[in-house]
Amino acid sequence: MSSRLKNGPLSVLSPIALSTRMARLAALLLTGVILSACGTSEEVQSFKSVSLAGSVSLDGKPIEKGTIQFSPVDPSRGPVVQAEIKDGRYIAPTVPLGKTVATLNSMKETGKTFEIHGESKPEVVNLIPNQYRTGISLDVAENKSDCNFELKTKSGR
């Protein structure tokens, strides 16, 4: 059976042919939306950024191990960037420009254990003092190799 019905000089699509074409069109549009959402690596890296590096210490002693996250206050400025803290130093090569919040994390085992559901787990504590756990505000404007975080156990950022 033909998908076209003849009605005089004009030919009209049958309901089956019309629904098939609509389904193909919808699939094509959906594919286009998905592909445009994926983007390219160039589009993902299109935000303006700088390199930050420095030291992280607590009461004058380097923090041996941890992480530092740089979160733009305005999310449209770029993604959250995380860097590893190792031996009191970090390097974050692509921190978005603008107002940013730096959040530090450093966990350490205490040597004690506790039980959960009959299983022994090591006790860990966060070395970052409470007054810094919500983040440290900074304005990122240029490459910096001395963006240091000198944390103190006592209050008084």
C-alpha atoms as a PDB file:
ATOM      1  CA  MET A   1       0.000   0.000   0.000  1.00  0.00           C
ATOM      2  CA  SER A   2       1.310   3.401  -0.886  1.00  0.00           C
ATOM      3  CA  SER A   3       1.950   5.942   1.875  1.00  0.00           C
ATOM      4  CA  ARG A   4       0.366   8.605  -0.327  1.00  0.00           C
ATOM      5  CA  LEU A   5      -3.315   8.839  -1.033  1.00  0.00           C
ATOM      6  CA  LYS A   6      -4.426  10.379  -4.275  1.00  0.00           C
ATOM      7  CA  ASN A   7      -7.150  12.976  -3.986  1.00  0.00           C
ATOM      8  CA  GLY A   8      -7.334  14.716  -7.249  1.00  0.00           C
ATOM      9  CA  PRO A   9      -4.398  16.872  -8.266  1.00  0.00           C
ATOM     10  CA  LEU A  10      -2.947  16.964  -4.673  1.00  0.00           C
ATOM     11  CA  SER A  11      -1.413  13.986  -2.941  1.00  0.00           C
ATOM     12  CA  VAL A  12      -1.840  13.697   0.817  1.00  0.00           C
ATOM     13  CA  LEU A  13       0.238  11.658   3.313  1.00  0.00           C
ATOM     14  CA  SER A  14      -1.561   8.847   5.085  1.00  0.00           C
ATOM     15  CA  PRO A  15      -1.742   9.005   8.900  1.00  0.00           C
ATOM     16  CA  ILE A  16       0.818   6.148   9.198  1.00  0.00           C
ATOM     17  CA  ALA A  17       3.349   7.861   6.929  1.00  0.00           C
ATOM     18  CA  LEU A  18       2.810  11.156   8.768  1.00  0.00           C
ATOM     19  CA  SER A  19       3.409   9.582  12.205  1.00  0.00           C
ATOM     20  CA  THR A  20       6.549   7.823  10.903  1.00  0.00           C
ATOM     21  CA  ARG A  21       7.939  11.103   9.593  1.00  0.00           C
ATOM     22  CA  MET A  22       7.104  12.867  12.864  1.00  0.00           C
ATOM     23  CA  ALA A  23       8.907  10.135  14.818  1.00  0.00           C
ATOM     24  CA  ARG A  24      11.992  10.497  12.592  1.00  0.00           C
ATOM     25  CA  LEU A  25      11.923  14.276  12.987  1.00  0.00           C
ATOM     26  CA  ALA A  26      11.626  13.979  16.772  1.00  0.00           C
ATOM     27  CA  ALA A  27      14.557  11.514  16.862  1.00  0.00           C
ATOM     28  CA  LEU A  28      16.655  13.854  14.715  1.00  0.00           C
ATOM     29  CA  LEU A  29      15.881  16.839  16.956  1.00  0.00           C
ATOM     30  CA  LEU A  30      16.659  14.839  20.101  1.00  0.00           C
ATOM     31  CA  THR A  31      19.994  13.730  18.640  1.00  0.00           C
ATOM     32  CA  GLY A  32      20.853  17.350  17.856  1.00  0.00           C
ATOM     33  CA  VAL A  33      20.007  18.460  21.396  1.00  0.00           C
ATOM     34  CA  ILE A  34      22.127  15.687  22.920  1.00  0.00           C
ATOM     35  CA  LEU A  35      25.100  16.444  20.665  1.00  0.00           C
ATOM     36  CA  SER A  36      24.932  20.175  21.348  1.00  0.00           C
ATOM     37  CA  ALA A  37      24.817  19.523  25.109  1.00  0.00           C
ATOM     38  CA  CYS A  38      27.963  17.421  24.876  1.00  0.00           C
ATOM     39  CA  GLY A  39      29.944  20.182  23.187  1.00  0.00           C
ATOM     40  CA  THR A  40      33.641  19.975  22.459  1.00  0.00           C
ATOM     41  CA  SER A  41      36.610  20.098  24.785  1.00  0.00           C
ATOM     42  CA  GLU A  42      37.293  23.635  23.557  1.00  0.00           C
ATOM     43  CA  GLU A  43      33.839  24.747  24.710  1.00  0.00           C
ATOM     44  CA  VAL A  44      34.342  23.129  28.127  1.00  0.00           C
ATOM     45  CA  GLN A  45      37.604  25.043  28.587  1.00  0.00           C
ATOM     46  CA  SER A  46      36.239  28.362  27.263  1.00  0.00           C
ATOM     47  CA  PHE A  47      36.276  30.065  30.673  1.00  0.00           C
ATOM     48  CA  LYS A  48      39.121  32.447  31.542  1.00  0.00           C
ATOM     49  CA  SER A  49      41.418  30.968  34.152  1.00  0.00           C
ATOM     50  CA  VAL A  50      44.773  31.387  35.863  1.00  0.00           C
ATOM     51  CA  SER A  51      47.220  29.155  37.679  1.00  0.00           C
ATOM     52  CA  LEU A  52      47.389  29.317  41.466  1.00  0.00           C
ATOM     53  CA  ALA A  53      50.029  27.611  43.574  1.00  0.00           C
ATOM     54  CA  GLY A  54      51.284  27.964  47.092  1.00  0.00           C
ATOM     55  CA  SER A  55      51.594  26.470  50.524  1.00  0.00           C
ATOM     56  CA  VAL A  56      49.044  25.303  53.065  1.00  0.00           C
ATOM     57  CA  SER A  57      50.051  25.258  56.720  1.00  0.00           C
ATOM     58  CA  LEU A  58      48.399  24.861  60.105  1.00  0.00           C
ATOM     59  CA  ASP A  59      50.035  26.720  62.987  1.00  0.00           C
ATOM     60  CA  GLY A  60      53.195  27.089  60.888  1.00  0.00           C
ATOM     61  CA  LYS A  61      53.466  23.377  59.979  1.00  0.00           C
ATOM     62  CA  PRO A  62      52.812  22.186  56.408  1.00  0.00           C
ATOM     63  CA  ILE A  63      49.650  20.145  55.894  1.00  0.00           C
ATOM     64  CA  GLU A  64      51.019  16.848  54.598  1.00  0.00           C
ATOM     65  CA  LYS A  65      48.051  15.651  52.585  1.00  0.00           C
ATOM     66  CA  GLY A  66      44.628  16.961  51.563  1.00  0.00           C
ATOM     67  CA  THR A  67      42.676  18.812  48.906  1.00  0.00           C
ATOM     68  CA  ILE A  68      41.786  22.376  48.071  1.00  0.00           C
ATOM     69  CA  GLN A  69      38.745  23.333  45.984  1.00  0.00           C
ATOM     70  CA  PHE A  70      38.257  26.663  44.242  1.00  0.00           C
ATOM     71  CA  SER A  71      34.544  27.357  43.718  1.00  0.00           C
ATOM     72  CA  PRO A  72      33.560  30.458  41.717  1.00  0.00           C
ATOM     73  CA  VAL A  73      30.920  32.532  43.534  1.00  0.00           C
ATOM     74  CA  ASP A  74      29.261  33.016  40.119  1.00  0.00           C
ATOM     75  CA  PRO A  75      28.968  29.492  38.625  1.00  0.00           C
ATOM     76  CA  SER A  76      28.876  30.921  35.088  1.00  0.00           C
ATOM     77  CA  ARG A  77      32.538  31.962  35.508  1.00  0.00           C
ATOM     78  CA  GLY A  78      33.701  28.342  35.319  1.00  0.00           C
ATOM     79  CA  PRO A  79      33.727  24.977  37.093  1.00  0.00           C
ATOM     80  CA  VAL A  80      34.843  24.066  40.589  1.00  0.00           C
ATOM     81  CA  VAL A  81      38.547  23.176  40.447  1.00  0.00           C
ATOM     82  CA  GLN A  82      40.213  20.792  42.890  1.00  0.00           C
ATOM     83  CA  ALA A  83      43.932  20.368  43.558  1.00  0.00           C
ATOM     84  CA  GLU A  84      45.845  17.970  45.755  1.00  0.00           C
ATOM     85  CA  ILE A  85      47.775  19.251  48.770  1.00  0.00           C
ATOM     86  CA  LYS A  86      50.989  17.266  49.145  1.00  0.00           C
ATOM     87  CA  ASP A  87      53.775  18.051  51.592  1.00  0.00           C
ATOM     88  CA  GLY A  88      52.186  21.440  52.282  1.00  0.00           C
ATOM     89  CA  ARG A  89      52.065  22.544  48.601  1.00  0.00           C
ATOM     90  CA  TYR A  90      49.394  22.670  45.889  1.00  0.00           C
ATOM     91  CA  ILE A  91      49.164  23.647  42.211  1.00  0.00           C
ATOM     92  CA  ALA A  92      45.809  24.470  40.611  1.00  0.00           C
ATOM     93  CA  PRO A  93      46.436  25.213  36.903  1.00  0.00           C
ATOM     94  CA  THR A  94      42.923  26.308  35.780  1.00  0.00           C
ATOM     95  CA  VAL A  95      41.200  28.381  38.464  1.00  0.00           C
ATOM     96  CA  PRO A  96      38.412  30.564  36.999  1.00  0.00           C
ATOM     97  CA  LEU A  97      38.846  34.328  37.307  1.00  0.00           C
ATOM     98  CA  GLY A  98      36.733  36.325  39.758  1.00  0.00           C
ATOM     99  CA  LYS A  99      35.421  35.972  43.272  1.00  0.00           C
ATOM    100  CA  THR A 100      36.117  32.466  44.515  1.00  0.00           C
ATOM    101  CA  VAL A 101      35.798  30.423  47.694  1.00  0.00           C
ATOM    102  CA  ALA A 102      38.720  28.127  48.581  1.00  0.00           C
ATOM    103  CA  THR A 103      37.674  25.101  50.640  1.00  0.00           C
ATOM    104  CA  LEU A 104      40.362  23.011  52.284  1.00  0.00           C
ATOM    105  CA  ASN A 105      40.156  19.432  53.490  1.00  0.00           C
ATOM    106  CA  SER A 106      42.724  17.297  55.294  1.00  0.00           C
ATOM    107  CA  MET A 107      41.838  14.101  57.121  1.00  0.00           C
ATOM    108  CA  LYS A 108      44.117  12.151  59.443  1.00  0.00           C
ATOM    109  CA  GLU A 109      43.726   8.828  61.211  1.00  0.00           C
ATOM    110  CA  THR A 110      43.944   9.130  65.003  1.00  0.00           C
ATOM    111  CA  GLY A 111      45.191   5.588  65.604  1.00  0.00           C
ATOM    112  CA  LYS A 112      41.919   4.695  67.341  1.00  0.00           C
ATOM    113  CA  THR A 113      39.245   2.439  65.896  1.00  0.00           C
ATOM    114  CA  PHE A 114      35.500   2.071  66.343  1.00  0.00           C
ATOM    115  CA  GLU A 115      32.946  -0.504  65.286  1.00  0.00           C
ATOM    116  CA  ILE A 116      30.173  -0.065  62.739  1.00  0.00           C
ATOM    117  CA  HIS A 117      27.916  -3.033  62.019  1.00  0.00           C
ATOM    118  CA  GLY A 118      30.454  -5.373  63.616  1.00  0.00           C
ATOM    119  CA  GLU A 119      33.308  -4.057  61.477  1.00  0.00           C
ATOM    120  CA  SER A 120      36.315  -2.177  62.887  1.00  0.00           C
ATOM    121  CA  LYS A 121      36.959   1.205  61.226  1.00  0.00           C
ATOM    122  CA  PRO A 122      39.789   3.703  61.801  1.00  0.00           C
ATOM    123  CA  GLU A 123      38.808   6.973  63.469  1.00  0.00           C
ATOM    124  CA  VAL A 124      39.653  10.007  61.317  1.00  0.00           C
ATOM    125  CA  VAL A 125      39.566  13.703  62.137  1.00  0.00           C
ATOM    126  CA  ASN A 126      39.489  16.773  59.915  1.00  0.00           C
ATOM    127  CA  LEU A 127      42.659  18.798  60.556  1.00  0.00           C
ATOM    128  CA  ILE A 128      41.124  21.986  59.134  1.00  0.00           C
ATOM    129  CA  PRO A 129      39.892  24.178  62.031  1.00  0.00           C
ATOM    130  CA  ASN A 130      36.152  24.898  62.150  1.00  0.00           C
ATOM    131  CA  GLN A 131      36.522  28.589  61.275  1.00  0.00           C
ATOM    132  CA  TYR A 132      37.927  27.665  57.818  1.00  0.00           C
ATOM    133  CA  ARG A 133      35.611  24.788  56.892  1.00  0.00           C
ATOM    134  CA  THR A 134      33.027  26.971  55.130  1.00  0.00           C
ATOM    135  CA  GLY A 135      35.774  28.314  52.874  1.00  0.00           C
ATOM    136  CA  ILE A 136      38.076  31.266  52.456  1.00  0.00           C
ATOM    137  CA  SER A 137      37.033  34.064  50.089  1.00  0.00           C
ATOM    138  CA  LEU A 138      39.511  35.389  47.553  1.00  0.00           C
ATOM    139  CA  ASP A 139      39.473  37.354  44.329  1.00  0.00           C
ATOM    140  CA  VAL A 140      41.314  35.504  41.563  1.00  0.00           C
ATOM    141  CA  ALA A 141      42.769  37.982  39.081  1.00  0.00           C
ATOM    142  CA  GLU A 142      46.185  36.729  37.915  1.00  0.00           C
ATOM    143  CA  ASN A 143      48.616  33.814  37.967  1.00  0.00           C
ATOM    144  CA  LYS A 144      50.083  33.475  41.450  1.00  0.00           C
ATOM    145  CA  SER A 145      52.755  31.133  42.742  1.00  0.00           C
ATOM    146  CA  ASP A 146      52.476  32.419  46.318  1.00  0.00           C
ATOM    147  CA  CYS A 147      48.761  32.047  47.049  1.00  0.00           C
ATOM    148  CA  ASN A 148      49.418  30.689  50.536  1.00  0.00           C
ATOM    149  CA  PHE A 149      46.937  29.560  53.171  1.00  0.00           C
ATOM    150  CA  GLU A 150      48.369  29.956  56.684  1.00  0.00           C
ATOM    151  CA  LEU A 151      45.709  28.485  58.944  1.00  0.00           C
ATOM    152  CA  LYS A 152      45.646  28.939  62.724  1.00  0.00           C
ATOM    153  CA  THR A 153      44.018  26.628  65.262  1.00  0.00           C
ATOM    154  CA  LYS A 154      42.764  29.604  67.262  1.00  0.00           C
ATOM    155  CA  SER A 155      40.157  31.999  65.828  1.00  0.00           C
ATOM    156  CA  GLY A 156      41.250  35.098  63.965  1.00  0.00           C
ATOM    157  CA  ARG A 157      41.546  34.166  60.307  1.00  0.00           C
END
